[in-house]
Amino acid sequence: MRFGMAAAACLLAGGAAQAQSKPAAEPAQLGALAPENLGKTRPKPPADFTGTWLHAGGPNNGFRFSPPPGAKLTPAAQAIYDAGQKAAKEGRAYQDDIGHCWPAGLPVIMTRVWPIAMVQTPTELFMISGFMNSTRFIYMDGRKHTDPDVVVRSFNGESIGHWEKDTLVVDTTGFVGEHHWIDSAIPASEDLHIVERMRLIDGGKTLEIEYTLTDPKNWEGDWKMTKRWKRVDDQDITEAACLPDLNDHMPSLKSTR
């Protein structure tokens, strides 16, 4: 009897020790706009991107993305691109999902002539594109990327930003891989990874973003480009909606599928 009681005591003590040594569960991630999160003490950001910005072109082919300089399309992606070029010469659109109201997604929403509005808070940067009113949410509260096995994939991906001196470095993953394009006839996959280095130049009058895109399913190496936007204080973002019935009357937006 005494042996049984001693053994039970040992088991209880061992269980208590294990319970004490078990690491505590990590606290749930606060929402970016939760008052507790917004109220945390943080260093003053070196730049504020709040404002309305209009594309000013850039060193690499204006506002559009072109075939990747410094990178090479995979054979499958090259075949798609060649088919798209052939369709363009014949006056046809090639698999134009955007014309049928699929979300444009990143990076397309950043490469059109419509303005972009930005609203910056201590924990999050909102970017609203005048093109289809697509909105990006860039989290700046120190969180990590969601596990790729459970992330909710989207056309704009999951964007996490951190400061490096005067530059906001935005790392975006978690993209969908269907109906998603870099530009006309250049596909994107779930492996797309975009790094943006955002900074203000010209005394805050110009927004410059250096892009590095990788997607081993569609091209080899890094696809790099730099785009610039000018601050415009006399423009606002207005409502925009995709109307497929209207788009079907526009030859450039008709799908060939």
Protein backbone atom coordinates (compact mmCIF):
# COMPACT_ATOMS: atom_id res chain seq x y z
CA MET A 1 0.00 0.00 0.00
CA ARG A 2 2.78 2.34 0.94
CA PHE A 3 4.55 1.44 -2.33
CA GLY A 4 1.42 2.24 -4.32
CA MET A 5 0.98 5.60 -2.61
CA ALA A 6 4.64 6.45 -3.21
CA ALA A 7 4.37 5.52 -6.87
CA ALA A 8 1.26 7.64 -7.28
CA ALA A 9 3.01 10.56 -5.61
CA CYS A 10 5.93 10.20 -8.01
CA LEU A 11 3.59 10.15 -11.00
CA LEU A 12 1.78 13.25 -9.78
CA ALA A 13 5.05 15.05 -9.14
CA GLY A 14 6.33 14.09 -12.58
CA GLY A 15 3.14 15.29 -14.21
CA ALA A 16 3.35 18.59 -12.35
CA ALA A 17 6.95 19.04 -13.45
CA GLN A 18 6.01 18.36 -17.07
CA ALA A 19 3.15 20.82 -16.83
CA GLN A 20 5.49 23.46 -15.44
CA SER A 21 8.11 22.86 -18.16
CA LYS A 22 5.61 22.93 -21.04
CA PRO A 23 6.04 26.21 -22.94
CA ALA A 24 3.17 28.61 -22.66
CA ALA A 25 1.03 29.07 -25.75
CA GLU A 26 1.87 32.14 -27.78
CA PRO A 27 -0.70 34.93 -27.41
CA ALA A 28 -3.06 35.39 -30.31
CA GLN A 29 -2.01 37.97 -32.88
CA LEU A 30 -3.85 41.22 -32.27
CA GLY A 31 -5.63 42.75 -35.21
CA ALA A 32 -3.65 45.57 -36.80
CA LEU A 33 -6.29 48.12 -35.82
CA ALA A 34 -6.96 46.79 -32.32
CA PRO A 35 -6.64 49.69 -29.85
CA GLU A 36 -4.13 47.70 -27.78
CA ASN A 37 -1.97 47.15 -30.86
CA LEU A 38 -2.22 50.75 -32.05
CA GLY A 39 -1.38 51.97 -28.56
CA LYS A 40 1.91 50.10 -28.25
CA THR A 41 5.06 52.21 -28.04
CA ARG A 42 6.93 52.11 -31.34
CA PRO A 43 9.71 54.17 -32.92
CA LYS A 44 8.48 57.02 -35.08
CA PRO A 45 8.34 55.81 -38.70
CA PRO A 46 10.94 57.49 -40.94
CA ALA A 47 8.37 58.20 -43.65
CA ASP A 48 4.62 58.61 -44.10
CA PHE A 49 3.21 57.40 -47.42
CA THR A 50 -0.27 58.79 -46.79
CA GLY A 51 -1.51 60.55 -49.90
CA THR A 52 -2.63 60.02 -53.48
CA TRP A 53 -0.05 58.89 -56.01
CA LEU A 54 -0.10 58.85 -59.82
CA HIS A 55 2.21 56.65 -61.87
CA ALA A 56 5.16 58.55 -63.33
CA GLY A 57 6.71 55.73 -65.33
CA GLY A 58 10.17 54.47 -64.57
CA PRO A 59 13.42 53.13 -65.96
CA ASN A 60 11.81 49.86 -67.06
CA ASN A 61 9.16 50.23 -69.74
CA GLY A 62 6.80 52.79 -68.26
CA PHE A 63 4.03 51.63 -65.99
CA ARG A 64 3.67 48.07 -67.36
CA PHE A 65 5.72 45.00 -66.52
CA SER A 66 7.65 43.61 -69.49
CA PRO A 67 9.35 40.22 -69.94
CA PRO A 68 11.73 39.82 -67.01
CA PRO A 69 15.10 41.52 -67.53
CA GLY A 70 17.81 39.48 -65.87
CA ALA A 71 15.54 36.45 -65.69
CA LYS A 72 14.43 33.82 -68.18
CA LEU A 73 10.92 32.47 -68.66
CA THR A 74 10.50 28.74 -68.21
CA PRO A 75 9.52 26.80 -71.38
CA ALA A 76 5.88 26.55 -70.25
CA ALA A 77 5.65 30.26 -69.41
CA GLN A 78 7.47 31.21 -72.62
CA ALA A 79 4.89 29.27 -74.64
CA ILE A 80 2.08 31.19 -72.92
CA TYR A 81 3.86 34.50 -73.53
CA ASP A 82 4.45 33.69 -77.21
CA ALA A 83 0.77 32.78 -77.63
CA GLY A 84 -0.17 36.08 -76.03
CA GLN A 85 2.10 38.02 -78.37
CA LYS A 86 0.58 36.21 -81.36
CA ALA A 87 -2.94 37.03 -80.16
CA ALA A 88 -1.99 40.69 -79.69
CA LYS A 89 -0.71 40.91 -83.27
CA GLU A 90 -3.99 39.44 -84.46
CA GLY A 91 -6.02 41.90 -82.41
CA ARG A 92 -7.20 39.33 -79.88
CA ALA A 93 -6.84 39.23 -76.10
CA TYR A 94 -5.24 36.13 -74.64
CA GLN A 95 -6.97 34.64 -71.60
CA ASP A 96 -7.93 38.04 -70.26
CA ASP A 97 -9.27 37.05 -66.86
CA ILE A 98 -9.32 40.68 -65.71
CA GLY A 99 -11.74 41.51 -68.52
CA HIS A 100 -14.08 38.94 -67.02
CA CYS A 101 -13.84 40.48 -63.57
CA TRP A 102 -11.30 38.21 -61.95
CA PRO A 103 -9.27 40.31 -59.48
CA ALA A 104 -6.24 41.92 -61.08
CA GLY A 105 -4.09 41.21 -58.06
CA LEU A 106 -0.51 42.12 -57.31
CA PRO A 107 1.51 43.37 -59.13
CA VAL A 108 -1.03 44.38 -61.82
CA ILE A 109 -2.89 46.82 -59.55
CA MET A 110 0.40 48.68 -59.06
CA THR A 111 1.12 48.97 -62.78
CA ARG A 112 -1.80 50.86 -64.27
CA VAL A 113 -2.47 54.50 -65.00
CA TRP A 114 -5.09 54.91 -62.26
CA PRO A 115 -3.95 56.66 -59.07
CA ILE A 116 -3.26 54.87 -55.81
CA ALA A 117 -4.36 56.19 -52.41
CA MET A 118 -2.34 55.31 -49.32
CA VAL A 119 -3.33 55.60 -45.66
CA GLN A 120 -0.62 54.81 -43.10
CA THR A 121 -1.22 53.90 -39.47
CA PRO A 122 1.41 52.77 -36.94
CA THR A 123 0.52 49.12 -37.58
CA GLU A 124 -0.77 48.92 -41.14
CA LEU A 125 -0.45 50.58 -44.54
CA PHE A 126 -3.55 50.58 -46.73
CA MET A 127 -3.12 50.91 -50.50
CA ILE A 128 -6.29 51.44 -52.54
CA SER A 129 -5.89 51.19 -56.29
CA GLY A 130 -8.09 53.27 -58.57
CA PHE A 131 -8.05 50.23 -60.85
CA MET A 132 -11.04 48.12 -59.73
CA ASN A 133 -10.70 49.62 -56.19
CA SER A 134 -8.49 46.71 -55.13
CA THR A 135 -7.07 47.18 -51.63
CA ARG A 136 -3.79 45.97 -50.21
CA PHE A 137 -3.16 45.50 -46.49
CA ILE A 138 0.50 45.79 -45.50
CA TYR A 139 1.02 44.80 -41.86
CA MET A 140 3.74 46.70 -39.99
CA ASP A 141 3.16 45.49 -36.43
CA GLY A 142 5.99 42.97 -36.26
CA ARG A 143 3.98 39.88 -37.16
CA LYS A 144 5.40 36.99 -39.19
CA HIS A 145 3.99 35.40 -42.32
CA THR A 146 1.20 32.90 -41.78
CA ASP A 147 2.24 29.26 -42.16
CA PRO A 148 1.97 28.50 -45.91
CA ASP A 149 -0.04 25.37 -45.12
CA VAL A 150 -2.85 27.38 -43.53
CA VAL A 151 -2.58 30.83 -45.12
CA VAL A 152 -5.68 32.03 -46.95
CA ARG A 153 -4.27 32.64 -50.41
CA SER A 154 -5.36 35.72 -52.32
CA PHE A 155 -4.65 37.73 -55.45
CA ASN A 156 -2.82 40.43 -53.47
CA GLY A 157 -1.08 37.96 -51.16
CA GLU A 158 -0.07 38.49 -47.54
CA SER A 159 2.17 41.55 -47.18
CA ILE A 160 4.45 42.11 -44.17
CA GLY A 161 6.49 45.32 -43.92
CA HIS A 162 9.45 46.45 -41.84
CA TRP A 163 11.67 49.53 -41.91
CA GLU A 164 15.29 49.59 -43.03
CA LYS A 165 16.37 53.18 -42.40
CA ASP A 166 14.10 55.33 -44.63
CA THR A 167 12.87 52.38 -46.72
CA LEU A 168 9.81 50.24 -46.06
CA VAL A 169 10.62 46.68 -47.14
CA VAL A 170 7.45 44.76 -47.99
CA ASP A 171 7.58 40.98 -48.33
CA THR A 172 4.55 39.39 -50.00
CA THR A 173 3.73 35.69 -50.35
CA GLY A 174 0.56 33.59 -50.14
CA PHE A 175 -0.74 34.18 -53.65
CA VAL A 176 -3.34 32.21 -55.57
CA GLY A 177 -2.02 30.41 -58.62
CA GLU A 178 -5.01 30.42 -60.96
CA HIS A 179 -6.38 33.34 -63.01
CA HIS A 180 -3.44 35.38 -61.71
CA TRP A 181 -1.07 37.23 -64.05
CA ILE A 182 2.01 39.42 -63.78
CA ASP A 183 0.99 41.17 -67.00
CA SER A 184 -0.67 40.14 -70.23
CA ALA A 185 0.25 36.49 -70.98
CA ILE A 186 2.81 36.28 -68.15
CA PRO A 187 1.41 33.87 -65.55
CA ALA A 188 1.93 33.80 -61.78
CA SER A 189 1.90 30.73 -59.55
CA GLU A 190 1.40 30.06 -55.84
CA ASP A 191 5.18 30.29 -55.49
CA LEU A 192 5.25 33.96 -56.51
CA HIS A 193 7.28 36.00 -54.02
CA ILE A 194 7.43 39.79 -54.28
CA VAL A 195 9.76 42.07 -52.33
CA GLU A 196 9.17 45.82 -52.59
CA ARG A 197 11.50 48.50 -51.29
CA MET A 198 9.42 51.68 -50.89
CA ARG A 199 10.87 55.09 -50.19
CA LEU A 200 10.10 58.77 -50.71
CA ILE A 201 12.45 60.86 -52.85
CA ASP A 202 12.41 64.43 -54.20
CA GLY A 203 11.51 65.82 -50.79
CA GLY A 204 8.52 63.51 -50.45
CA LYS A 205 7.05 64.40 -53.84
CA THR A 206 7.91 61.06 -55.46
CA LEU A 207 7.29 57.50 -54.31
CA GLU A 208 9.83 55.00 -55.60
CA ILE A 209 9.33 51.23 -55.38
CA GLU A 210 12.01 48.73 -56.32
CA TYR A 211 10.49 45.35 -57.16
CA THR A 212 12.10 41.93 -56.99
CA LEU A 213 9.87 39.10 -58.18
CA THR A 214 10.67 35.40 -58.04
CA ASP A 215 8.50 32.54 -59.28
CA PRO A 216 10.54 29.43 -60.17
CA LYS A 217 7.56 27.84 -61.90
CA ASN A 218 7.46 30.65 -64.46
CA TRP A 219 10.95 32.17 -64.69
CA GLU A 220 14.49 31.63 -63.53
CA GLY A 221 16.31 34.19 -61.41
CA ASP A 222 15.14 37.56 -60.09
CA TRP A 223 12.82 39.83 -62.05
CA LYS A 224 13.71 43.37 -60.99
CA MET A 225 12.08 46.67 -61.87
CA THR A 226 11.74 50.16 -60.43
CA LYS A 227 8.52 52.19 -60.63
CA ARG A 228 7.79 55.75 -59.54
CA TRP A 229 4.67 57.70 -58.60
CA LYS A 230 4.18 61.45 -58.20
CA ARG A 231 2.20 62.86 -55.30
CA VAL A 232 -1.02 64.46 -56.58
CA ASP A 233 -2.95 66.64 -54.15
CA ASP A 234 -5.81 67.43 -56.53
CA GLN A 235 -7.08 63.89 -57.12
CA ASP A 236 -9.06 61.30 -55.19
CA ILE A 237 -9.88 57.65 -55.70
CA THR A 238 -13.41 57.19 -57.04
CA GLU A 239 -15.62 54.13 -57.12
CA ALA A 240 -14.82 51.61 -59.83
CA ALA A 241 -16.64 48.38 -60.57
CA CYS A 242 -16.06 45.56 -63.03
CA LEU A 243 -19.07 44.95 -65.27
CA PRO A 244 -18.60 41.82 -67.39
CA ASP A 245 -21.54 42.62 -69.68
CA LEU A 246 -19.94 45.95 -70.50
CA ASN A 247 -16.51 44.39 -70.93
CA ASP A 248 -17.85 41.91 -73.47
CA HIS A 249 -18.51 44.84 -75.79
CA MET A 250 -14.83 45.81 -75.65
CA PRO A 251 -12.75 43.71 -78.07
CA SER A 252 -9.57 44.26 -76.06
CA LEU A 253 -11.20 42.69 -73.01
CA LYS A 254 -12.84 39.66 -74.59
CA SER A 255 -11.49 36.29 -73.58
CA THR A 256 -10.50 33.72 -76.18
CA ARG A 257 -11.42 30.79 -73.94
